[in-house]
Amino acid sequence: MVKIIYNKRAKIELQNAYNYIFFDLANPIVADNFKVKILKSISYLKYFPYMGKKLSNSNIRFIYFKNYLIFYSVKDQNVVIQRILNKRQNLKM
């Protein structure tokens, strides 16, 4: 089993998504459920680190969670979460 590590940018993006739902959409229950479920989805990478699709010519992979793309890389015994982006956002890495 591998360890999941969030880089600083991914942590901020996850918090921004949570804050958007909580404050902008004024829906704290949905925000809490969102955070629990996206973290659970990411936790599957502990057991299946190569389950995501690989970006061509890159070591970056991604999985989907609802309207979000979770970009990550696998290095040694770690899965590093690189970005957490809404599909509507600019997807430049």
C-alpha atoms as a PDB file:
ATOM      1  CA  MET A   1       0.000   0.000   0.000  1.00  0.00           C
ATOM      2  CA  VAL A   2       1.306   3.432  -0.920  1.00  0.00           C
ATOM      3  CA  LYS A   3       1.094   6.736   0.927  1.00  0.00           C
ATOM      4  CA  ILE A   4      -0.919   9.663  -0.429  1.00  0.00           C
ATOM      5  CA  ILE A   5       0.721  13.080  -0.304  1.00  0.00           C
ATOM      6  CA  TYR A   6      -0.947  16.347  -1.289  1.00  0.00           C
ATOM      7  CA  ASN A   7       1.250  19.081  -2.675  1.00  0.00           C
ATOM      8  CA  LYS A   8       0.546  22.632  -1.536  1.00  0.00           C
ATOM      9  CA  ARG A   9      -1.334  23.599  -4.698  1.00  0.00           C
ATOM     10  CA  ALA A  10      -3.669  20.590  -4.480  1.00  0.00           C
ATOM     11  CA  LYS A  11      -4.448  21.354  -0.831  1.00  0.00           C
ATOM     12  CA  ILE A  12      -5.369  24.925  -1.751  1.00  0.00           C
ATOM     13  CA  GLU A  13      -7.511  23.798  -4.688  1.00  0.00           C
ATOM     14  CA  LEU A  14      -9.372  21.298  -2.516  1.00  0.00           C
ATOM     15  CA  GLN A  15     -10.010  23.963   0.112  1.00  0.00           C
ATOM     16  CA  ASN A  16     -11.141  26.434  -2.577  1.00  0.00           C
ATOM     17  CA  ALA A  17     -13.642  23.902  -3.951  1.00  0.00           C
ATOM     18  CA  TYR A  18     -14.964  23.269  -0.444  1.00  0.00           C
ATOM     19  CA  ASN A  19     -15.193  27.006   0.293  1.00  0.00           C
ATOM     20  CA  TYR A  20     -17.022  27.658  -2.973  1.00  0.00           C
ATOM     21  CA  ILE A  21     -19.715  25.129  -2.110  1.00  0.00           C
ATOM     22  CA  PHE A  22     -19.881  26.166   1.546  1.00  0.00           C
ATOM     23  CA  PHE A  23     -19.870  29.958   1.171  1.00  0.00           C
ATOM     24  CA  ASP A  24     -20.695  30.897  -2.414  1.00  0.00           C
ATOM     25  CA  LEU A  25     -23.403  28.297  -2.852  1.00  0.00           C
ATOM     26  CA  ALA A  26     -24.341  28.601   0.852  1.00  0.00           C
ATOM     27  CA  ASN A  27     -24.619  24.856   1.276  1.00  0.00           C
ATOM     28  CA  PRO A  28     -22.481  23.598   4.178  1.00  0.00           C
ATOM     29  CA  ILE A  29     -23.986  20.091   4.195  1.00  0.00           C
ATOM     30  CA  VAL A  30     -23.147  19.528   0.534  1.00  0.00           C
ATOM     31  CA  ALA A  31     -19.684  21.011   1.117  1.00  0.00           C
ATOM     32  CA  ASP A  32     -19.007  18.571   3.949  1.00  0.00           C
ATOM     33  CA  ASN A  33     -20.294  15.631   1.868  1.00  0.00           C
ATOM     34  CA  PHE A  34     -18.177  16.763  -1.075  1.00  0.00           C
ATOM     35  CA  LYS A  35     -15.009  16.792   1.000  1.00  0.00           C
ATOM     36  CA  VAL A  36     -15.679  13.386   2.550  1.00  0.00           C
ATOM     37  CA  LYS A  37     -16.459  11.783  -0.806  1.00  0.00           C
ATOM     38  CA  ILE A  38     -13.589  13.297  -2.786  1.00  0.00           C
ATOM     39  CA  LEU A  39     -11.118  12.237  -0.086  1.00  0.00           C
ATOM     40  CA  LYS A  40     -12.580   8.732  -0.150  1.00  0.00           C
ATOM     41  CA  SER A  41     -12.232   8.636  -3.933  1.00  0.00           C
ATOM     42  CA  ILE A  42      -8.596   9.720  -3.629  1.00  0.00           C
ATOM     43  CA  SER A  43      -7.969   7.107  -0.919  1.00  0.00           C
ATOM     44  CA  TYR A  44      -8.545   4.304  -3.471  1.00  0.00           C
ATOM     45  CA  LEU A  45      -5.219   5.319  -4.985  1.00  0.00           C
ATOM     46  CA  LYS A  46      -3.543   3.764  -1.925  1.00  0.00           C
ATOM     47  CA  TYR A  47      -4.561   0.353  -3.222  1.00  0.00           C
ATOM     48  CA  PHE A  48      -4.704   1.032  -6.971  1.00  0.00           C
ATOM     49  CA  PRO A  49      -2.149   3.781  -7.713  1.00  0.00           C
ATOM     50  CA  TYR A  50      -2.164   3.127 -11.463  1.00  0.00           C
ATOM     51  CA  MET A  51      -5.942   3.100 -11.906  1.00  0.00           C
ATOM     52  CA  GLY A  52      -6.093   6.582 -13.432  1.00  0.00           C
ATOM     53  CA  LYS A  53      -5.635   7.430 -17.081  1.00  0.00           C
ATOM     54  CA  LYS A  54      -2.138   8.511 -18.021  1.00  0.00           C
ATOM     55  CA  LEU A  55      -1.573  11.812 -19.789  1.00  0.00           C
ATOM     56  CA  SER A  56       0.367  11.208 -22.984  1.00  0.00           C
ATOM     57  CA  ASN A  57       4.129  11.741 -22.759  1.00  0.00           C
ATOM     58  CA  SER A  58       3.946  12.342 -19.023  1.00  0.00           C
ATOM     59  CA  ASN A  59       4.109  10.546 -15.691  1.00  0.00           C
ATOM     60  CA  ILE A  60       0.938  12.369 -14.608  1.00  0.00           C
ATOM     61  CA  ARG A  61      -2.275  10.396 -14.241  1.00  0.00           C
ATOM     62  CA  PHE A  62      -5.806  11.519 -13.436  1.00  0.00           C
ATOM     63  CA  ILE A  63      -9.072  10.250 -12.040  1.00  0.00           C
ATOM     64  CA  TYR A  64     -12.526  11.775 -12.092  1.00  0.00           C
ATOM     65  CA  PHE A  65     -14.688  12.738  -9.168  1.00  0.00           C
ATOM     66  CA  LYS A  66     -18.001  14.214 -10.300  1.00  0.00           C
ATOM     67  CA  ASN A  67     -17.025  17.490 -12.039  1.00  0.00           C
ATOM     68  CA  TYR A  68     -13.447  17.364 -10.792  1.00  0.00           C
ATOM     69  CA  LEU A  69     -10.240  16.005 -12.218  1.00  0.00           C
ATOM     70  CA  ILE A  70      -7.631  14.835  -9.744  1.00  0.00           C
ATOM     71  CA  PHE A  71      -4.140  14.826 -11.210  1.00  0.00           C
ATOM     72  CA  TYR A  72      -1.435  12.779  -9.524  1.00  0.00           C
ATOM     73  CA  SER A  73       1.894  11.073 -10.004  1.00  0.00           C
ATOM     74  CA  VAL A  74       3.265   7.854  -8.586  1.00  0.00           C
ATOM     75  CA  LYS A  75       6.807   7.906  -7.261  1.00  0.00           C
ATOM     76  CA  ASP A  76       8.413   5.178  -5.165  1.00  0.00           C
ATOM     77  CA  GLN A  77       5.812   4.268  -2.540  1.00  0.00           C
ATOM     78  CA  ASN A  78       3.923   7.574  -2.798  1.00  0.00           C
ATOM     79  CA  VAL A  79       0.999   8.953  -4.741  1.00  0.00           C
ATOM     80  CA  VAL A  80       1.448  12.703  -5.008  1.00  0.00           C
ATOM     81  CA  ILE A  81      -1.757  14.635  -5.624  1.00  0.00           C
ATOM     82  CA  GLN A  82      -0.688  17.447  -7.944  1.00  0.00           C
ATOM     83  CA  ARG A  83      -3.903  19.291  -8.826  1.00  0.00           C
ATOM     84  CA  ILE A  84      -7.643  19.155  -8.094  1.00  0.00           C
ATOM     85  CA  LEU A  85      -9.499  21.051 -10.795  1.00  0.00           C
ATOM     86  CA  ASN A  86     -13.071  21.530 -11.854  1.00  0.00           C
ATOM     87  CA  LYS A  87     -13.572  20.382 -15.455  1.00  0.00           C
ATOM     88  CA  ARG A  88     -14.597  23.936 -16.359  1.00  0.00           C
ATOM     89  CA  GLN A  89     -11.266  25.395 -15.223  1.00  0.00           C
ATOM     90  CA  ASN A  90      -8.241  25.990 -17.402  1.00  0.00           C
ATOM     91  CA  LEU A  91      -6.520  22.608 -17.365  1.00  0.00           C
ATOM     92  CA  LYS A  92      -2.967  23.779 -17.966  1.00  0.00           C
ATOM     93  CA  MET A  93      -0.627  21.910 -15.672  1.00  0.00           C
END
